[in-house]
PDB file of N, CA and C in Angstrom:
ATOM      1  N   MET A   1     -18.582   1.734  35.504  1.00  0.00           N
ATOM      2  CA  MET A   1     -19.373   1.180  34.155  1.00  0.00           C
ATOM      3  C   MET A   1     -19.206   1.127  33.372  1.00  0.00           C
ATOM      4  N   PRO A   2     -18.541   0.468  32.529  1.00  0.00           N
ATOM      5  CA  PRO A   2     -18.453   0.201  30.950  1.00  0.00           C
ATOM      6  C   PRO A   2     -19.949   0.356  30.087  1.00  0.00           C
ATOM      7  N   LEU A   3     -19.541   1.223  28.935  1.00  0.00           N
ATOM      8  CA  LEU A   3     -21.031   1.354  28.023  1.00  0.00           C
ATOM      9  C   LEU A   3     -21.156   0.266  27.176  1.00  0.00           C
ATOM     10  N   GLN A   4     -22.786  -0.597  27.819  1.00  0.00           N
ATOM     11  CA  GLN A   4     -22.893  -1.426  26.184  1.00  0.00           C
ATOM     12  C   GLN A   4     -22.983  -1.399  25.386  1.00  0.00           C
ATOM     13  N   ILE A   5     -22.434  -2.152  24.458  1.00  0.00           N
ATOM     14  CA  ILE A   5     -22.804  -2.111  22.837  1.00  0.00           C
ATOM     15  C   ILE A   5     -23.351  -3.382  22.143  1.00  0.00           C
ATOM     16  N   CYS A   6     -24.847  -3.108  21.933  1.00  0.00           N
ATOM     17  CA  CYS A   6     -25.104  -4.393  21.627  1.00  0.00           C
ATOM     18  C   CYS A   6     -25.073  -5.050  20.666  1.00  0.00           C
ATOM     19  N   GLU A   7     -25.217  -5.766  19.893  1.00  0.00           N
ATOM     20  CA  GLU A   7     -24.360  -6.639  18.649  1.00  0.00           C
ATOM     21  C   GLU A   7     -25.035  -5.960  17.562  1.00  0.00           C
ATOM     22  N   GLN A   8     -25.924  -5.004  17.756  1.00  0.00           N
ATOM     23  CA  GLN A   8     -26.695  -4.322  16.304  1.00  0.00           C
ATOM     24  C   GLN A   8     -25.739  -3.566  16.397  1.00  0.00           C
ATOM     25  N   LYS A   9     -25.065  -2.792  17.218  1.00  0.00           N
ATOM     26  CA  LYS A   9     -24.522  -1.264  17.094  1.00  0.00           C
ATOM     27  C   LYS A   9     -23.017  -1.984  16.995  1.00  0.00           C
ATOM     28  N   LEU A  10     -22.563  -3.454  17.359  1.00  0.00           N
ATOM     29  CA  LEU A  10     -21.099  -3.436  16.740  1.00  0.00           C
ATOM     30  C   LEU A  10     -21.342  -3.489  15.747  1.00  0.00           C
ATOM     31  N   ILE A  11     -22.444  -4.168  14.799  1.00  0.00           N
ATOM     32  CA  ILE A  11     -22.726  -4.269  13.152  1.00  0.00           C
ATOM     33  C   ILE A  11     -22.577  -3.587  12.192  1.00  0.00           C
ATOM     34  N   GLU A  12     -23.068  -2.772  12.923  1.00  0.00           N
ATOM     35  CA  GLU A  12     -23.333  -0.742  12.068  1.00  0.00           C
ATOM     36  C   GLU A  12     -22.050  -0.382  12.596  1.00  0.00           C
ATOM     37  N   ILE A  13     -21.103  -0.362  13.434  1.00  0.00           N
ATOM     38  CA  ILE A  13     -19.914  -0.016  13.474  1.00  0.00           C
ATOM     39  C   ILE A  13     -18.659  -0.566  12.424  1.00  0.00           C
ATOM     40  N   PHE A  14     -19.124  -1.924  12.090  1.00  0.00           N
ATOM     41  CA  PHE A  14     -18.488  -2.470  11.308  1.00  0.00           C
ATOM     42  C   PHE A  14     -18.516  -2.595  10.088  1.00  0.00           C
ATOM     43  N   VAL A  15     -19.762  -2.029   9.094  1.00  0.00           N
ATOM     44  CA  VAL A  15     -20.510  -1.609   8.341  1.00  0.00           C
ATOM     45  C   VAL A  15     -19.590  -0.379   8.168  1.00  0.00           C
ATOM     46  N   THR A  16     -20.257   0.683   8.827  1.00  0.00           N
ATOM     47  CA  THR A  16     -19.384   1.763   8.551  1.00  0.00           C
ATOM     48  C   THR A  16     -17.905   2.060   8.594  1.00  0.00           C
ATOM     49  N   VAL A  17     -17.273   1.293   9.482  1.00  0.00           N
ATOM     50  CA  VAL A  17     -15.544   0.737   9.073  1.00  0.00           C
ATOM     51  C   VAL A  17     -15.308   0.470   7.479  1.00  0.00           C
ATOM     52  N   ASP A  18     -16.127  -0.882   7.013  1.00  0.00           N
ATOM     53  CA  ASP A  18     -15.780  -1.374   6.132  1.00  0.00           C
ATOM     54  C   ASP A  18     -15.901  -0.470   4.844  1.00  0.00           C
ATOM     55  N   ASP A  19     -16.877   0.708   5.356  1.00  0.00           N
ATOM     56  CA  ASP A  19     -17.443   1.478   4.038  1.00  0.00           C
ATOM     57  C   ASP A  19     -16.601   2.436   3.627  1.00  0.00           C
ATOM     58  N   PHE A  20     -15.753   2.686   4.674  1.00  0.00           N
ATOM     59  CA  PHE A  20     -14.823   3.892   4.814  1.00  0.00           C
ATOM     60  C   PHE A  20     -13.336   3.222   4.309  1.00  0.00           C
ATOM     61  N   LEU A  21     -13.487   2.141   4.512  1.00  0.00           N
ATOM     62  CA  LEU A  21     -11.797   1.278   4.369  1.00  0.00           C
ATOM     63  C   LEU A  21     -11.804   0.994   2.638  1.00  0.00           C
ATOM     64  N   LYS A  22     -12.776   0.204   1.979  1.00  0.00           N
ATOM     65  CA  LYS A  22     -13.077  -0.168   0.584  1.00  0.00           C
ATOM     66  C   LYS A  22     -12.530   0.937  -0.052  1.00  0.00           C
ATOM     67  N   PRO A  23     -13.155   2.505   0.201  1.00  0.00           N
ATOM     68  CA  PRO A  23     -12.387   3.299  -1.180  1.00  0.00           C
ATOM     69  C   PRO A  23     -10.478   3.663  -0.404  1.00  0.00           C
ATOM     70  N   PHE A  24     -10.891   3.832   1.046  1.00  0.00           N
ATOM     71  CA  PHE A  24      -9.392   4.264   1.131  1.00  0.00           C
ATOM     72  C   PHE A  24      -8.261   3.570   0.816  1.00  0.00           C
ATOM     73  N   GLU A  25      -8.494   1.760   1.209  1.00  0.00           N
ATOM     74  CA  GLU A  25      -7.130   1.046   0.486  1.00  0.00           C
ATOM     75  C   GLU A  25      -6.644   1.303  -0.922  1.00  0.00           C
ATOM     76  N   GLN A  26      -7.805   1.457  -1.962  1.00  0.00           N
ATOM     77  CA  GLN A  26      -7.392   1.711  -2.673  1.00  0.00           C
ATOM     78  C   GLN A  26      -6.983   2.991  -3.306  1.00  0.00           C
ATOM     79  N   TYR A  27      -7.109   3.776  -2.512  1.00  0.00           N
ATOM     80  CA  TYR A  27      -6.221   5.303  -2.661  1.00  0.00           C
ATOM     81  C   TYR A  27      -4.907   5.350  -2.213  1.00  0.00           C
ATOM     82  N   LEU A  28      -4.985   4.158  -0.969  1.00  0.00           N
ATOM     83  CA  LEU A  28      -2.967   3.877  -0.694  1.00  0.00           C
ATOM     84  C   LEU A  28      -2.866   3.141  -1.146  1.00  0.00           C
ATOM     85  N   THR A  29      -3.157   2.037  -1.872  1.00  0.00           N
ATOM     86  CA  THR A  29      -2.366   1.394  -3.313  1.00  0.00           C
ATOM     87  C   THR A  29      -2.095   2.305  -4.470  1.00  0.00           C
ATOM     88  N   GLN A  30      -3.447   3.364  -4.162  1.00  0.00           N
ATOM     89  CA  GLN A  30      -2.944   4.192  -5.975  1.00  0.00           C
ATOM     90  C   GLN A  30      -1.208   4.938  -5.385  1.00  0.00           C
ATOM     91  N   ARG A  31      -1.243   5.557  -4.706  1.00  0.00           N
ATOM     92  CA  ARG A  31      -0.316   6.223  -3.858  1.00  0.00           C
ATOM     93  C   ARG A  31       1.336   5.712  -3.352  1.00  0.00           C
ATOM     94  N   ALA A  32       0.872   4.327  -3.468  1.00  0.00           N
ATOM     95  CA  ALA A  32       2.530   3.423  -2.811  1.00  0.00           C
ATOM     96  C   ALA A  32       3.279   3.907  -3.375  1.00  0.00           C
ATOM     97  N   LEU A  33       4.635   4.059  -3.147  1.00  0.00           N
ATOM     98  CA  LEU A  33       5.652   4.514  -3.754  1.00  0.00           C
ATOM     99  C   LEU A  33       6.519   2.722  -4.456  1.00  0.00           C
ATOM    100  N   ALA A  34       6.139   1.890  -3.202  1.00  0.00           N
ATOM    101  CA  ALA A  34       6.633   0.393  -4.146  1.00  0.00           C
ATOM    102  C   ALA A  34       6.008  -0.235  -4.743  1.00  0.00           C
ATOM    103  N   ASP A  35       6.615  -0.912  -6.112  1.00  0.00           N
ATOM    104  CA  ASP A  35       5.516  -1.708  -6.949  1.00  0.00           C
ATOM    105  C   ASP A  35       5.293  -2.576  -6.528  1.00  0.00           C
ATOM    106  N   GLY A  36       4.986  -3.159  -5.294  1.00  0.00           N
ATOM    107  CA  GLY A  36       4.781  -4.676  -4.619  1.00  0.00           C
ATOM    108  C   GLY A  36       5.907  -5.210  -3.646  1.00  0.00           C
ATOM    109  N   LEU A  37       7.348  -4.706  -4.451  1.00  0.00           N
ATOM    110  CA  LEU A  37       8.159  -5.004  -3.129  1.00  0.00           C
ATOM    111  C   LEU A  37       8.127  -4.692  -2.013  1.00  0.00           C
ATOM    112  N   GLY A  38       8.539  -6.049  -1.574  1.00  0.00           N
ATOM    113  CA  GLY A  38       8.644  -6.340   0.322  1.00  0.00           C
ATOM    114  C   GLY A  38       8.001  -6.246   0.683  1.00  0.00           C
ATOM    115  N   LEU A  39       6.178  -6.175  -0.103  1.00  0.00           N
ATOM    116  CA  LEU A  39       5.129  -6.494   0.429  1.00  0.00           C
ATOM    117  C   LEU A  39       5.032  -7.418   1.529  1.00  0.00           C
ATOM    118  N   PRO A  40       4.456  -8.076   2.185  1.00  0.00           N
ATOM    119  CA  PRO A  40       4.203  -9.528   2.996  1.00  0.00           C
ATOM    120  C   PRO A  40       3.309 -10.178   1.869  1.00  0.00           C
ATOM    121  N   THR A  41       3.736 -11.958   2.012  1.00  0.00           N
ATOM    122  CA  THR A  41       3.627 -12.604   1.044  1.00  0.00           C
ATOM    123  C   THR A  41       2.200 -12.902   1.905  1.00  0.00           C
ATOM    124  N   ARG A  42       1.773 -13.492   2.899  1.00  0.00           N
ATOM    125  CA  ARG A  42       1.191 -14.239   3.822  1.00  0.00           C
ATOM    126  C   ARG A  42       0.029 -13.173   4.193  1.00  0.00           C
ATOM    127  N   GLN A  43      -1.114 -14.105   3.956  1.00  0.00           N
ATOM    128  CA  GLN A  43      -2.477 -13.283   4.196  1.00  0.00           C
ATOM    129  C   GLN A  43      -3.046 -12.955   5.491  1.00  0.00           C
ATOM    130  N   PRO A  44      -2.938 -12.084   6.313  1.00  0.00           N
ATOM    131  CA  PRO A  44      -3.647 -11.876   7.517  1.00  0.00           C
ATOM    132  C   PRO A  44      -4.953 -12.479   7.753  1.00  0.00           C
ATOM    133  N   GLU A  45      -5.381 -13.532   8.988  1.00  0.00           N
ATOM    134  CA  GLU A  45      -6.468 -13.739   9.397  1.00  0.00           C
ATOM    135  C   GLU A  45      -7.955 -12.961   9.466  1.00  0.00           C
ATOM    136  N   LEU A  46      -7.736 -11.825  10.078  1.00  0.00           N
ATOM    137  CA  LEU A  46      -8.270 -10.556  10.061  1.00  0.00           C
ATOM    138  C   LEU A  46      -7.716  -9.595   9.003  1.00  0.00           C
ATOM    139  N   CYS A  47      -9.190  -9.282   8.614  1.00  0.00           N
ATOM    140  CA  CYS A  47      -9.205  -8.036   7.491  1.00  0.00           C
ATOM    141  C   CYS A  47      -9.302  -6.798   7.880  1.00  0.00           C
ATOM    142  N   SER A  48      -8.565  -5.724   7.477  1.00  0.00           N
ATOM    143  CA  SER A  48      -8.884  -4.158   8.016  1.00  0.00           C
ATOM    144  C   SER A  48      -9.561  -3.634   8.584  1.00  0.00           C
ATOM    145  N   SER A  49     -10.993  -4.206   8.536  1.00  0.00           N
ATOM    146  CA  SER A  49     -12.223  -3.681   8.853  1.00  0.00           C
ATOM    147  C   SER A  49     -12.710  -4.353  10.095  1.00  0.00           C
ATOM    148  N   GLU A  50     -12.178  -5.416  10.050  1.00  0.00           N
ATOM    149  CA  GLU A  50     -12.224  -6.325  11.913  1.00  0.00           C
ATOM    150  C   GLU A  50     -11.710  -6.166  12.740  1.00  0.00           C
ATOM    151  N   VAL A  51     -10.378  -5.429  12.678  1.00  0.00           N
ATOM    152  CA  VAL A  51      -9.224  -5.163  13.555  1.00  0.00           C
ATOM    153  C   VAL A  51      -9.441  -3.782  14.219  1.00  0.00           C
ATOM    154  N   ILE A  52     -10.247  -3.006  13.039  1.00  0.00           N
ATOM    155  CA  ILE A  52     -10.310  -1.808  13.366  1.00  0.00           C
ATOM    156  C   ILE A  52     -11.709  -1.380  14.443  1.00  0.00           C
ATOM    157  N   THR A  53     -12.421  -2.305  13.638  1.00  0.00           N
ATOM    158  CA  THR A  53     -13.855  -2.885  14.707  1.00  0.00           C
ATOM    159  C   THR A  53     -13.459  -2.955  16.079  1.00  0.00           C
ATOM    160  N   LEU A  54     -12.347  -3.943  16.666  1.00  0.00           N
ATOM    161  CA  LEU A  54     -12.171  -4.562  17.634  1.00  0.00           C
ATOM    162  C   LEU A  54     -11.581  -3.349  18.286  1.00  0.00           C
ATOM    163  N   LEU A  55     -10.989  -2.456  17.848  1.00  0.00           N
ATOM    164  CA  LEU A  55     -10.009  -1.706  18.261  1.00  0.00           C
ATOM    165  C   LEU A  55     -11.019  -0.570  18.377  1.00  0.00           C
ATOM    166  N   VAL A  56     -12.153   0.240  17.721  1.00  0.00           N
ATOM    167  CA  VAL A  56     -13.406   1.195  18.393  1.00  0.00           C
ATOM    168  C   VAL A  56     -14.298   0.209  19.595  1.00  0.00           C
ATOM    169  N   TYR A  57     -14.321  -1.142  19.780  1.00  0.00           N
ATOM    170  CA  TYR A  57     -15.341  -1.964  20.466  1.00  0.00           C
ATOM    171  C   TYR A  57     -14.467  -1.595  21.920  1.00  0.00           C
ATOM    172  N   TYR A  58     -13.332  -2.415  21.904  1.00  0.00           N
ATOM    173  CA  TYR A  58     -12.259  -1.808  23.200  1.00  0.00           C
ATOM    174  C   TYR A  58     -12.033  -0.682  23.612  1.00  0.00           C
ATOM    175  N   GLY A  59     -11.950   0.614  22.827  1.00  0.00           N
ATOM    176  CA  GLY A  59     -12.187   2.165  22.985  1.00  0.00           C
ATOM    177  C   GLY A  59     -13.171   2.009  23.860  1.00  0.00           C
ATOM    178  N   THR A  60     -14.012   2.035  23.499  1.00  0.00           N
ATOM    179  CA  THR A  60     -15.422   2.419  24.367  1.00  0.00           C
ATOM    180  C   THR A  60     -15.319   1.743  25.994  1.00  0.00           C
ATOM    181  N   GLY A  61     -14.282   0.711  26.413  1.00  0.00           N
ATOM    182  CA  GLY A  61     -13.957   1.057  27.571  1.00  0.00           C
ATOM    183  C   GLY A  61     -14.095  -0.715  27.978  1.00  0.00           C
ATOM    184  N   HIS A  62     -14.266  -1.711  26.800  1.00  0.00           N
ATOM    185  CA  HIS A  62     -15.059  -2.773  27.221  1.00  0.00           C
ATOM    186  C   HIS A  62     -13.420  -4.099  27.668  1.00  0.00           C
ATOM    187  N   PRO A  63     -13.528  -4.583  28.410  1.00  0.00           N
ATOM    188  CA  PRO A  63     -12.368  -5.163  28.645  1.00  0.00           C
ATOM    189  C   PRO A  63     -12.369  -6.542  27.330  1.00  0.00           C
ATOM    190  N   ALA A  64     -10.688  -6.487  27.769  1.00  0.00           N
ATOM    191  CA  ALA A  64     -10.324  -7.496  26.336  1.00  0.00           C
ATOM    192  C   ALA A  64     -10.843  -8.875  26.107  1.00  0.00           C
ATOM    193  N   PRO A  65     -12.246  -9.469  25.681  1.00  0.00           N
ATOM    194  CA  PRO A  65     -12.869 -10.687  25.708  1.00  0.00           C
ATOM    195  C   PRO A  65     -11.442 -11.616  25.297  1.00  0.00           C
ATOM    196  N   PHE A  66     -10.803 -11.733  24.584  1.00  0.00           N
ATOM    197  CA  PHE A  66     -10.103 -12.413  23.881  1.00  0.00           C
ATOM    198  C   PHE A  66      -8.904 -13.252  23.751  1.00  0.00           C
ATOM    199  N   ARG A  67      -9.684 -14.620  24.662  1.00  0.00           N
ATOM    200  CA  ARG A  67      -8.896 -15.568  25.237  1.00  0.00           C
ATOM    201  C   ARG A  67      -9.116 -17.018  24.044  1.00  0.00           C
ATOM    202  N   LEU A  68      -7.598 -17.684  24.132  1.00  0.00           N
ATOM    203  CA  LEU A  68      -7.782 -18.692  23.360  1.00  0.00           C
ATOM    204  C   LEU A  68      -7.891 -19.548  24.278  1.00  0.00           C
TER     205      LEU A  68
END
């Protein structure tokens, strides 16, 4: 039986991931070798925090409820 995560816990995970990624993405930008050459030009629909939160949620044993 998969572990149930309530909505409040999911929000807590998102906030924690988002708080971590803000300074980490700045660090990666500072350490980048290229000066913006070859980077993607279109913006993704989901931010990195949302993607990682979904990965953590899926990793807890929940089936993927991502249907179009």
